């Protein structure tokens, strides 16, 4: 009995989330919204739904996307280098929210090869697994009233407290294999702690 390897449609290089101006600003170090272009973004082009993958890998000789949609095959979905920007990009039809992926990168430096998580990824597998997850940040904010009134409460002349912590190391659940807490689990504990 043979097991069929999962496969998505071939990668397309005729679409891009970058405009010529975006590439220009990126090369100048002044594209302050690179997160809108780099990473994995679900999109529809000419009625075809899928995901645009892009990563900055200026020292790469080859970049491809590997994932559960192609059997982690590094030859299935090669990305295309976008000029002198160091950006590699491609659109893979049929890949949707929830797909696991990494960037397979072959370096110019002695041919070093590695599968890398997406530095612009917005969701990742729970450790010890390390793949990125295609996700869509289509959250609808409902804080217009607070945003409008906050100017009167925030001032350079008022005190402010900023707390920074690494959620994965601040608190764990020893009774459950020492796993990290989810955001929903940690929020009330953190609020009580900083009060």
N, C-alpha and C. Protein backbone atom coordinates (compact mmCIF):
# COMPACT_ATOMS: atom_id res chain seq x y z
N UNK A 1 0.85 -1.18 0.00
CA UNK A 1 0.00 0.00 0.00
C UNK A 1 0.89 1.24 0.00
N UNK A 2 0.64 2.15 -0.90
CA UNK A 2 1.43 3.37 -0.97
C UNK A 2 0.65 4.52 -0.37
N UNK A 3 1.39 5.42 0.25
CA UNK A 3 0.78 6.61 0.83
C UNK A 3 1.00 7.77 -0.11
N UNK A 4 -0.04 8.47 -0.44
CA UNK A 4 0.05 9.61 -1.34
C UNK A 4 0.67 10.80 -0.60
N UNK A 5 1.68 11.40 -1.19
CA UNK A 5 2.29 12.60 -0.63
C UNK A 5 1.39 13.79 -0.92
N UNK A 6 1.07 14.60 0.11
CA UNK A 6 0.24 15.77 -0.15
C UNK A 6 0.94 16.72 -1.12
N UNK A 7 0.17 17.40 -1.92
CA UNK A 7 0.76 18.32 -2.88
C UNK A 7 -0.18 19.48 -3.16
N UNK A 8 0.34 20.67 -3.12
CA UNK A 8 -0.43 21.85 -3.49
C UNK A 8 -0.15 22.14 -4.96
N UNK A 9 -0.90 23.06 -5.52
CA UNK A 9 -0.68 23.46 -6.92
C UNK A 9 0.72 24.05 -7.07
N UNK A 10 1.25 24.07 -8.29
CA UNK A 10 2.59 24.64 -8.51
C UNK A 10 2.66 26.11 -8.08
N UNK A 11 3.84 26.51 -7.67
CA UNK A 11 4.06 27.90 -7.25
C UNK A 11 3.96 28.82 -8.46
N UNK A 12 3.38 29.99 -8.23
CA UNK A 12 3.29 31.01 -9.29
C UNK A 12 4.20 32.17 -8.93
N UNK A 13 4.91 32.70 -9.92
CA UNK A 13 5.80 33.83 -9.70
C UNK A 13 5.31 35.10 -10.39
N UNK A 14 4.13 35.04 -10.96
CA UNK A 14 3.60 36.19 -11.71
C UNK A 14 2.79 37.14 -10.84
N UNK A 15 2.73 36.89 -9.54
CA UNK A 15 2.00 37.77 -8.62
C UNK A 15 2.94 38.20 -7.51
N UNK A 16 2.67 39.36 -6.92
CA UNK A 16 3.51 39.89 -5.85
C UNK A 16 2.70 40.81 -4.96
N UNK A 17 3.05 40.84 -3.70
CA UNK A 17 2.46 41.81 -2.78
C UNK A 17 3.27 43.10 -2.77
N UNK A 18 4.43 43.09 -3.43
CA UNK A 18 5.31 44.26 -3.47
C UNK A 18 5.07 45.06 -4.74
N UNK A 19 4.98 46.37 -4.58
CA UNK A 19 4.98 47.26 -5.74
C UNK A 19 6.43 47.67 -6.00
N UNK A 20 6.74 48.26 -7.15
CA UNK A 20 8.10 48.76 -7.37
C UNK A 20 8.53 49.74 -6.27
N UNK A 21 7.59 50.57 -5.80
CA UNK A 21 7.92 51.51 -4.71
C UNK A 21 8.26 50.77 -3.43
N UNK A 22 7.54 49.67 -3.14
CA UNK A 22 7.83 48.88 -1.94
C UNK A 22 9.25 48.33 -2.00
N UNK A 23 9.66 47.81 -3.16
CA UNK A 23 11.03 47.29 -3.31
C UNK A 23 12.04 48.42 -3.14
N UNK A 24 11.77 49.56 -3.75
CA UNK A 24 12.68 50.71 -3.63
C UNK A 24 12.86 51.10 -2.17
N UNK A 25 11.75 51.26 -1.45
CA UNK A 25 11.83 51.64 -0.04
C UNK A 25 12.52 50.56 0.79
N UNK A 26 12.26 49.30 0.48
CA UNK A 26 12.92 48.21 1.20
C UNK A 26 14.43 48.28 1.01
N UNK A 27 14.87 48.47 -0.23
CA UNK A 27 16.30 48.57 -0.51
C UNK A 27 16.94 49.78 0.16
N UNK A 28 16.15 50.84 0.36
CA UNK A 28 16.63 52.05 1.03
C UNK A 28 16.60 51.90 2.55
N UNK A 29 15.99 50.82 3.05
CA UNK A 29 15.83 50.65 4.50
C UNK A 29 14.72 51.52 5.06
N UNK A 30 13.77 51.93 4.21
CA UNK A 30 12.71 52.83 4.66
C UNK A 30 11.30 52.26 4.40
N UNK A 31 11.19 50.96 4.20
CA UNK A 31 9.86 50.35 4.07
C UNK A 31 9.42 49.96 5.47
N UNK A 32 8.68 50.86 6.11
CA UNK A 32 8.31 50.68 7.51
C UNK A 32 7.09 49.78 7.68
N UNK A 33 6.59 49.25 6.60
CA UNK A 33 5.45 48.33 6.65
C UNK A 33 5.79 47.02 5.93
N UNK A 34 7.02 46.57 6.11
CA UNK A 34 7.46 45.33 5.45
C UNK A 34 6.61 44.14 5.90
N UNK A 35 6.05 44.23 7.09
CA UNK A 35 5.21 43.14 7.60
C UNK A 35 3.97 42.93 6.73
N UNK A 36 3.59 43.92 5.94
CA UNK A 36 2.45 43.75 5.02
C UNK A 36 2.82 42.92 3.79
N UNK A 37 4.11 42.70 3.59
CA UNK A 37 4.58 42.03 2.39
C UNK A 37 5.34 40.74 2.70
N UNK A 38 6.16 40.75 3.74
CA UNK A 38 6.98 39.59 4.07
C UNK A 38 6.20 38.60 4.92
N UNK A 39 6.57 37.34 4.84
CA UNK A 39 5.87 36.30 5.60
C UNK A 39 4.92 35.53 4.71
N UNK A 40 3.81 35.09 5.29
CA UNK A 40 2.79 34.32 4.56
C UNK A 40 1.48 35.08 4.65
N UNK A 41 0.91 35.42 3.49
CA UNK A 41 -0.33 36.19 3.44
C UNK A 41 -1.32 35.49 2.51
N UNK A 42 -2.48 35.13 3.06
CA UNK A 42 -3.51 34.53 2.21
C UNK A 42 -4.01 35.60 1.26
N UNK A 43 -4.31 35.19 0.03
CA UNK A 43 -4.70 36.15 -1.01
C UNK A 43 -5.46 35.43 -2.12
N UNK A 44 -6.15 36.22 -2.93
CA UNK A 44 -6.83 35.69 -4.11
C UNK A 44 -6.39 36.50 -5.32
N UNK A 45 -5.90 35.81 -6.35
CA UNK A 45 -5.48 36.45 -7.60
C UNK A 45 -6.23 35.80 -8.75
N UNK A 46 -6.96 36.62 -9.51
CA UNK A 46 -7.73 36.12 -10.66
C UNK A 46 -8.60 34.92 -10.28
N UNK A 47 -9.26 35.03 -9.12
CA UNK A 47 -10.16 33.98 -8.68
C UNK A 47 -9.49 32.77 -8.07
N UNK A 48 -8.17 32.77 -7.97
CA UNK A 48 -7.43 31.65 -7.41
C UNK A 48 -6.96 32.01 -6.00
N UNK A 49 -7.41 31.24 -5.01
CA UNK A 49 -7.09 31.52 -3.61
C UNK A 49 -5.89 30.68 -3.18
N UNK A 50 -5.02 31.29 -2.40
CA UNK A 50 -3.84 30.60 -1.90
C UNK A 50 -3.08 31.49 -0.93
N UNK A 51 -1.78 31.32 -0.89
CA UNK A 51 -0.93 32.08 0.04
C UNK A 51 0.30 32.59 -0.69
N UNK A 52 0.62 33.87 -0.48
CA UNK A 52 1.86 34.46 -0.97
C UNK A 52 2.90 34.29 0.13
N UNK A 53 4.02 33.68 -0.20
CA UNK A 53 5.13 33.50 0.73
C UNK A 53 6.27 34.39 0.29
N UNK A 54 6.88 35.11 1.23
CA UNK A 54 8.06 35.90 0.90
C UNK A 54 8.97 36.00 2.12
N UNK A 55 10.26 36.01 1.85
CA UNK A 55 11.25 36.07 2.93
C UNK A 55 12.47 36.84 2.41
N UNK A 56 13.13 37.56 3.30
CA UNK A 56 14.36 38.26 2.96
C UNK A 56 15.51 37.31 3.26
N UNK A 57 16.19 36.86 2.22
CA UNK A 57 17.33 35.95 2.36
C UNK A 57 18.39 36.37 1.35
N UNK A 58 19.09 37.49 1.63
CA UNK A 58 20.00 38.07 0.64
C UNK A 58 21.20 37.20 0.30
N UNK A 59 21.56 36.26 1.15
CA UNK A 59 22.72 35.40 0.89
C UNK A 59 22.32 34.02 0.40
N UNK A 60 21.08 33.87 -0.05
CA UNK A 60 20.61 32.56 -0.50
C UNK A 60 20.85 32.37 -1.99
N UNK A 61 21.12 31.13 -2.36
CA UNK A 61 21.18 30.79 -3.78
C UNK A 61 19.89 30.11 -4.22
N UNK A 62 19.12 29.61 -3.25
CA UNK A 62 17.83 28.98 -3.53
C UNK A 62 16.98 29.06 -2.27
N UNK A 63 15.68 29.36 -2.46
CA UNK A 63 14.72 29.35 -1.36
C UNK A 63 13.46 28.66 -1.86
N UNK A 64 12.93 27.77 -1.05
CA UNK A 64 11.65 27.15 -1.38
C UNK A 64 10.81 27.07 -0.11
N UNK A 65 9.53 26.81 -0.30
CA UNK A 65 8.62 26.64 0.83
C UNK A 65 8.36 25.15 0.99
N UNK A 66 8.56 24.65 2.20
CA UNK A 66 8.24 23.27 2.52
C UNK A 66 7.13 23.29 3.56
N UNK A 67 6.26 22.29 3.51
CA UNK A 67 5.17 22.27 4.47
C UNK A 67 4.36 20.99 4.39
N UNK A 68 3.33 20.94 5.23
CA UNK A 68 2.48 19.75 5.24
C UNK A 68 1.63 19.65 3.97
N UNK A 69 1.61 20.69 3.17
CA UNK A 69 0.86 20.69 1.92
C UNK A 69 1.66 20.11 0.75
N UNK A 70 2.97 19.89 0.94
CA UNK A 70 3.78 19.30 -0.13
C UNK A 70 4.70 18.18 0.38
N UNK A 71 4.35 17.61 1.54
CA UNK A 71 5.16 16.53 2.09
C UNK A 71 6.54 16.96 2.53
N UNK A 72 6.73 18.26 2.82
CA UNK A 72 8.00 18.85 3.24
C UNK A 72 9.08 18.63 2.18
N UNK A 73 8.66 18.65 0.93
CA UNK A 73 9.55 18.43 -0.21
C UNK A 73 10.15 19.77 -0.65
N UNK A 74 11.48 19.89 -0.53
CA UNK A 74 12.11 21.19 -0.83
C UNK A 74 12.24 21.47 -2.32
N UNK A 75 11.80 20.58 -3.18
CA UNK A 75 11.82 20.84 -4.62
C UNK A 75 10.45 21.21 -5.19
N UNK A 76 9.41 21.11 -4.37
CA UNK A 76 8.04 21.33 -4.87
C UNK A 76 7.69 22.78 -5.16
N UNK A 77 8.09 23.69 -4.29
CA UNK A 77 7.63 25.07 -4.39
C UNK A 77 8.78 26.07 -4.23
N UNK A 78 9.64 26.18 -5.25
CA UNK A 78 10.74 27.15 -5.19
C UNK A 78 10.21 28.58 -5.32
N UNK A 79 10.81 29.47 -4.55
CA UNK A 79 10.46 30.89 -4.65
C UNK A 79 11.39 31.55 -5.66
N UNK A 80 11.01 32.73 -6.10
CA UNK A 80 11.80 33.47 -7.08
C UNK A 80 12.46 34.67 -6.42
N UNK A 81 13.73 34.88 -6.74
CA UNK A 81 14.46 36.04 -6.24
C UNK A 81 13.93 37.30 -6.91
N UNK A 82 13.68 38.34 -6.12
CA UNK A 82 13.13 39.59 -6.65
C UNK A 82 14.23 40.64 -6.78
N UNK A 83 15.05 40.50 -7.79
CA UNK A 83 16.09 41.48 -8.08
C UNK A 83 17.13 41.58 -7.00
N UNK A 84 17.62 42.79 -6.77
CA UNK A 84 18.70 43.02 -5.81
C UNK A 84 18.18 43.19 -4.38
N UNK A 85 16.89 43.02 -4.17
CA UNK A 85 16.31 43.25 -2.84
C UNK A 85 16.67 42.17 -1.83
N UNK A 86 17.05 40.98 -2.30
CA UNK A 86 17.29 39.86 -1.39
C UNK A 86 16.00 39.17 -0.99
N UNK A 87 14.88 39.61 -1.55
CA UNK A 87 13.58 39.03 -1.22
C UNK A 87 13.28 37.90 -2.20
N UNK A 88 12.75 36.81 -1.67
CA UNK A 88 12.30 35.65 -2.45
C UNK A 88 10.80 35.55 -2.24
N UNK A 89 10.06 35.30 -3.34
CA UNK A 89 8.61 35.37 -3.24
C UNK A 89 7.94 34.39 -4.20
N UNK A 90 6.74 33.95 -3.84
CA UNK A 90 5.93 33.11 -4.72
C UNK A 90 4.54 32.92 -4.14
N UNK A 91 3.59 32.66 -5.01
CA UNK A 91 2.19 32.43 -4.64
C UNK A 91 1.88 30.96 -4.85
N UNK A 92 1.41 30.30 -3.79
CA UNK A 92 1.06 28.89 -3.90
C UNK A 92 -0.45 28.75 -3.77
N UNK A 93 -1.13 28.46 -4.88
CA UNK A 93 -2.57 28.27 -4.84
C UNK A 93 -2.94 27.09 -3.93
N UNK A 94 -4.13 27.17 -3.35
CA UNK A 94 -4.71 26.10 -2.53
C UNK A 94 -4.13 26.00 -1.13
N UNK A 95 -3.07 26.72 -0.81
CA UNK A 95 -2.54 26.70 0.56
C UNK A 95 -3.32 27.73 1.36
N UNK A 96 -3.91 27.29 2.47
CA UNK A 96 -4.80 28.17 3.21
C UNK A 96 -4.45 28.22 4.69
N UNK A 97 -5.22 29.00 5.42
CA UNK A 97 -5.06 29.19 6.85
C UNK A 97 -4.95 27.83 7.55
N UNK A 98 -3.95 27.73 8.42
CA UNK A 98 -3.73 26.49 9.17
C UNK A 98 -2.63 25.62 8.62
N UNK A 99 -2.16 25.89 7.41
CA UNK A 99 -1.08 25.09 6.81
C UNK A 99 0.22 25.32 7.57
N UNK A 100 0.99 24.27 7.77
CA UNK A 100 2.31 24.36 8.41
C UNK A 100 3.36 24.55 7.33
N UNK A 101 4.37 25.38 7.62
CA UNK A 101 5.41 25.64 6.61
C UNK A 101 6.70 26.12 7.24
N UNK A 102 7.77 26.02 6.47
CA UNK A 102 9.07 26.62 6.77
C UNK A 102 9.68 27.06 5.44
N UNK A 103 10.70 27.89 5.53
CA UNK A 103 11.47 28.27 4.35
C UNK A 103 12.70 27.37 4.30
N UNK A 104 12.90 26.70 3.17
CA UNK A 104 14.08 25.87 2.95
C UNK A 104 15.09 26.77 2.22
N UNK A 105 16.20 27.05 2.88
CA UNK A 105 17.16 28.03 2.35
C UNK A 105 18.51 27.36 2.09
N UNK A 106 19.02 27.56 0.87
CA UNK A 106 20.36 27.10 0.50
C UNK A 106 21.21 28.36 0.38
N UNK A 107 22.27 28.43 1.17
CA UNK A 107 23.11 29.63 1.22
C UNK A 107 24.19 29.62 0.14
N UNK A 108 24.57 30.83 -0.28
CA UNK A 108 25.74 30.98 -1.16
C UNK A 108 27.00 30.54 -0.41
N UNK A 109 26.99 30.65 0.90
CA UNK A 109 28.16 30.37 1.73
C UNK A 109 28.32 28.86 1.93
N UNK A 110 29.13 28.24 1.12
CA UNK A 110 29.46 26.82 1.23
C UNK A 110 28.24 25.93 1.10
N UNK A 111 27.16 26.42 0.51
CA UNK A 111 25.98 25.60 0.29
C UNK A 111 25.25 25.19 1.55
N UNK A 112 25.44 25.93 2.63
CA UNK A 112 24.75 25.61 3.89
C UNK A 112 23.25 25.56 3.63
N UNK A 113 22.59 24.54 4.18
CA UNK A 113 21.16 24.32 3.95
C UNK A 113 20.44 24.28 5.29
N UNK A 114 19.25 24.88 5.35
CA UNK A 114 18.46 24.82 6.57
C UNK A 114 16.99 25.10 6.31
N UNK A 115 16.15 24.50 7.12
CA UNK A 115 14.72 24.79 7.11
C UNK A 115 14.46 25.77 8.25
N UNK A 116 13.94 26.94 7.92
CA UNK A 116 13.81 28.03 8.89
C UNK A 116 12.35 28.43 9.08
N UNK A 117 11.99 28.71 10.33
CA UNK A 117 10.68 29.27 10.63
C UNK A 117 10.61 30.68 10.04
N UNK A 118 9.42 31.15 9.81
CA UNK A 118 9.20 32.46 9.20
C UNK A 118 9.44 33.57 10.22
N UNK A 119 10.44 34.45 9.99
CA UNK A 119 10.68 35.54 10.95
C UNK A 119 9.53 36.54 11.01
N UNK A 120 8.67 36.57 10.00
CA UNK A 120 7.49 37.43 10.00
C UNK A 120 6.22 36.63 10.28
N UNK A 121 6.36 35.38 10.67
CA UNK A 121 5.20 34.55 10.97
C UNK A 121 4.41 35.09 12.15
N UNK A 122 3.10 34.97 12.08
CA UNK A 122 2.25 35.47 13.16
C UNK A 122 1.73 34.34 14.04
N UNK A 123 1.98 33.10 13.65
CA UNK A 123 1.57 31.95 14.45
C UNK A 123 2.57 30.83 14.21
N UNK A 124 2.91 30.13 15.27
CA UNK A 124 3.89 29.05 15.18
C UNK A 124 3.39 27.86 15.98
N UNK A 125 3.91 26.69 15.64
CA UNK A 125 3.56 25.49 16.39
C UNK A 125 4.04 25.63 17.83
N UNK A 126 3.41 24.86 18.69
CA UNK A 126 3.81 24.82 20.09
C UNK A 126 5.12 24.04 20.21
N UNK A 127 6.11 24.54 20.99
CA UNK A 127 7.37 23.82 21.16
C UNK A 127 7.10 22.42 21.72
N UNK A 128 7.92 21.46 21.34
CA UNK A 128 9.21 21.56 20.67
C UNK A 128 9.12 21.64 19.14
N UNK A 129 7.92 21.57 18.56
CA UNK A 129 7.80 21.69 17.11
C UNK A 129 8.07 23.15 16.72
N UNK A 130 8.54 23.37 15.50
CA UNK A 130 9.03 24.71 15.15
C UNK A 130 8.50 25.28 13.85
N UNK A 131 7.50 24.67 13.25
CA UNK A 131 6.99 25.19 11.97
C UNK A 131 6.14 26.44 12.20
N UNK A 132 6.09 27.29 11.20
CA UNK A 132 5.19 28.44 11.20
C UNK A 132 3.84 27.97 10.67
N UNK A 133 2.79 28.74 10.96
CA UNK A 133 1.44 28.39 10.56
C UNK A 133 0.86 29.55 9.74
N UNK A 134 0.33 29.25 8.56
CA UNK A 134 -0.35 30.28 7.77
C UNK A 134 -1.56 30.75 8.57
N UNK A 135 -1.66 32.07 8.76
CA UNK A 135 -2.75 32.61 9.56
C UNK A 135 -3.15 33.97 8.99
N UNK A 136 -4.34 34.40 9.31
CA UNK A 136 -4.86 35.66 8.81
C UNK A 136 -5.21 36.54 10.00
N UNK A 137 -4.63 37.73 10.06
CA UNK A 137 -4.89 38.65 11.17
C UNK A 137 -6.02 39.61 10.81
N UNK A 138 -7.19 39.06 10.59
CA UNK A 138 -8.32 39.89 10.19
C UNK A 138 -9.18 40.31 11.38
N UNK A 139 -8.55 40.63 12.49
CA UNK A 139 -9.26 41.02 13.70
C UNK A 139 -9.97 42.36 13.50
N UNK A 140 -11.21 42.44 13.93
CA UNK A 140 -11.99 43.68 13.84
C UNK A 140 -11.92 44.40 15.19
N UNK A 141 -11.19 45.49 15.22
CA UNK A 141 -11.04 46.25 16.45
C UNK A 141 -12.35 46.97 16.78
N UNK A 142 -12.65 47.05 18.07
CA UNK A 142 -13.88 47.72 18.53
C UNK A 142 -13.54 48.70 19.65
N UNK A 143 -12.44 49.41 19.50
CA UNK A 143 -11.99 50.31 20.56
C UNK A 143 -11.91 51.76 20.09
N UNK A 144 -12.75 52.14 19.13
CA UNK A 144 -12.70 53.50 18.58
C UNK A 144 -12.92 54.55 19.66
N UNK A 145 -13.85 54.30 20.58
CA UNK A 145 -14.12 55.25 21.67
C UNK A 145 -12.90 55.45 22.55
N UNK A 146 -12.26 54.37 22.93
CA UNK A 146 -11.07 54.47 23.77
C UNK A 146 -9.94 55.17 23.02
N UNK A 147 -9.74 54.82 21.75
CA UNK A 147 -8.68 55.45 20.96
C UNK A 147 -8.90 56.96 20.87
N UNK A 148 -10.15 57.38 20.73
CA UNK A 148 -10.45 58.81 20.62
C UNK A 148 -10.17 59.54 21.93
N UNK A 149 -10.47 58.89 23.06
CA UNK A 149 -10.32 59.56 24.35
C UNK A 149 -8.94 59.40 24.98
N UNK A 150 -8.11 58.53 24.47
CA UNK A 150 -6.84 58.26 25.13
C UNK A 150 -5.89 59.45 25.12
N UNK A 151 -6.02 60.33 24.13
CA UNK A 151 -5.13 61.49 24.06
C UNK A 151 -5.18 62.35 25.31
N UNK A 152 -6.35 62.46 25.91
CA UNK A 152 -6.50 63.25 27.13
C UNK A 152 -5.90 62.57 28.35
N UNK A 153 -5.71 61.27 28.28
CA UNK A 153 -5.18 60.53 29.43
C UNK A 153 -3.70 60.26 29.32
N UNK A 154 -3.17 60.26 28.12
CA UNK A 154 -1.76 59.96 27.96
C UNK A 154 -1.01 61.25 27.65
N UNK A 155 0.02 61.46 28.41
CA UNK A 155 0.78 62.68 28.24
C UNK A 155 2.24 62.40 28.57
N UNK A 156 3.09 63.19 27.98
CA UNK A 156 4.51 63.05 28.30
C UNK A 156 4.80 63.45 29.74
N UNK A 157 3.84 64.13 30.37
CA UNK A 157 4.04 64.60 31.74
C UNK A 157 3.36 63.70 32.76
N UNK A 158 2.82 62.58 32.32
CA UNK A 158 2.16 61.64 33.23
C UNK A 158 3.02 60.39 33.37
N UNK A 159 2.97 59.77 34.54
CA UNK A 159 3.76 58.54 34.72
C UNK A 159 3.19 57.40 33.87
N UNK A 160 4.07 56.50 33.50
CA UNK A 160 3.66 55.32 32.75
C UNK A 160 4.50 54.14 33.22
N UNK A 161 3.89 52.99 33.28
CA UNK A 161 4.60 51.76 33.64
C UNK A 161 4.59 50.82 32.45
N UNK A 162 5.75 50.32 32.11
CA UNK A 162 5.86 49.38 31.00
C UNK A 162 6.42 48.08 31.56
N UNK A 163 5.70 47.00 31.32
CA UNK A 163 6.15 45.69 31.76
C UNK A 163 6.51 44.87 30.53
N UNK A 164 7.66 44.24 30.61
CA UNK A 164 8.07 43.35 29.53
C UNK A 164 8.41 42.00 30.13
N UNK A 165 7.90 40.95 29.52
CA UNK A 165 8.23 39.62 30.00
C UNK A 165 8.13 38.63 28.86
N UNK A 166 8.79 37.53 29.04
CA UNK A 166 8.71 36.43 28.07
C UNK A 166 7.67 35.45 28.61
N UNK A 167 6.53 35.38 27.92
CA UNK A 167 5.42 34.58 28.42
C UNK A 167 5.80 33.11 28.60
N UNK A 168 6.65 32.60 27.73
CA UNK A 168 7.02 31.19 27.81
C UNK A 168 7.87 30.84 29.01
N UNK A 169 8.53 31.82 29.60
CA UNK A 169 9.38 31.52 30.76
C UNK A 169 8.84 32.12 32.06
N UNK A 170 7.84 32.99 31.98
CA UNK A 170 7.33 33.63 33.20
C UNK A 170 6.55 32.65 34.06
N UNK A 171 5.68 31.86 33.44
CA UNK A 171 4.90 30.91 34.22
C UNK A 171 4.57 29.71 33.34
N UNK A 172 4.65 28.53 33.95
CA UNK A 172 4.33 27.29 33.24
C UNK A 172 3.39 26.45 34.11
N UNK A 173 2.90 25.36 33.54
CA UNK A 173 2.01 24.46 34.28
C UNK A 173 2.74 23.15 34.57
N UNK A 174 3.35 23.02 35.76
CA UNK A 174 4.11 21.81 36.08
C UNK A 174 3.23 20.56 36.07
N UNK A 175 1.95 20.71 36.39
CA UNK A 175 1.05 19.56 36.42
C UNK A 175 0.67 19.08 35.02
N UNK A 176 1.04 19.84 33.99
CA UNK A 176 0.72 19.47 32.61
C UNK A 176 1.99 19.49 31.75
N UNK A 177 2.96 18.67 32.13
CA UNK A 177 4.23 18.52 31.40
C UNK A 177 5.00 19.83 31.27
N UNK A 178 4.80 20.75 32.20
CA UNK A 178 5.52 22.02 32.24
C UNK A 178 5.32 22.85 30.97
N UNK A 179 4.14 22.75 30.37
CA UNK A 179 3.84 23.49 29.14
C UNK A 179 3.66 24.97 29.43
N UNK A 180 3.86 25.78 28.40
CA UNK A 180 3.61 27.22 28.50
C UNK A 180 2.11 27.46 28.56
N UNK A 181 1.71 28.53 29.23
CA UNK A 181 0.30 28.90 29.29
C UNK A 181 -0.12 29.58 27.99
N UNK A 182 -1.39 29.49 27.65
CA UNK A 182 -1.92 30.22 26.51
C UNK A 182 -2.15 31.67 26.93
N UNK A 183 -2.38 32.55 25.97
CA UNK A 183 -2.67 33.94 26.31
C UNK A 183 -3.90 34.04 27.20
N UNK A 184 -4.94 33.27 26.90
CA UNK A 184 -6.17 33.32 27.71
C UNK A 184 -5.91 32.84 29.13
N UNK A 185 -5.03 31.86 29.31
CA UNK A 185 -4.72 31.35 30.64
C UNK A 185 -3.85 32.33 31.43
N UNK A 186 -2.92 32.98 30.75
CA UNK A 186 -1.96 33.82 31.45
C UNK A 186 -2.50 35.21 31.78
N UNK A 187 -3.45 35.71 30.99
CA UNK A 187 -3.95 37.09 31.16
C UNK A 187 -4.42 37.38 32.58
N UNK A 188 -5.32 36.60 33.19
CA UNK A 188 -5.77 36.94 34.55
C UNK A 188 -4.65 36.83 35.58
N UNK A 189 -3.77 35.85 35.42
CA UNK A 189 -2.66 35.69 36.36
C UNK A 189 -1.70 36.87 36.28
N UNK A 190 -1.43 37.32 35.06
CA UNK A 190 -0.54 38.46 34.87
C UNK A 190 -1.16 39.74 35.41
N UNK A 191 -2.45 39.94 35.17
CA UNK A 191 -3.14 41.13 35.69
C UNK A 191 -3.08 41.16 37.21
N UNK A 192 -3.31 40.03 37.86
CA UNK A 192 -3.22 39.97 39.33
C UNK A 192 -1.80 40.24 39.80
N UNK A 193 -0.81 39.75 39.07
CA UNK A 193 0.58 39.89 39.46
C UNK A 193 1.06 41.34 39.40
N UNK A 194 0.64 42.09 38.37
CA UNK A 194 1.16 43.45 38.23
C UNK A 194 0.32 44.50 38.95
N UNK A 195 -0.82 44.12 39.52
CA UNK A 195 -1.66 45.10 40.22
C UNK A 195 -0.96 45.69 41.42
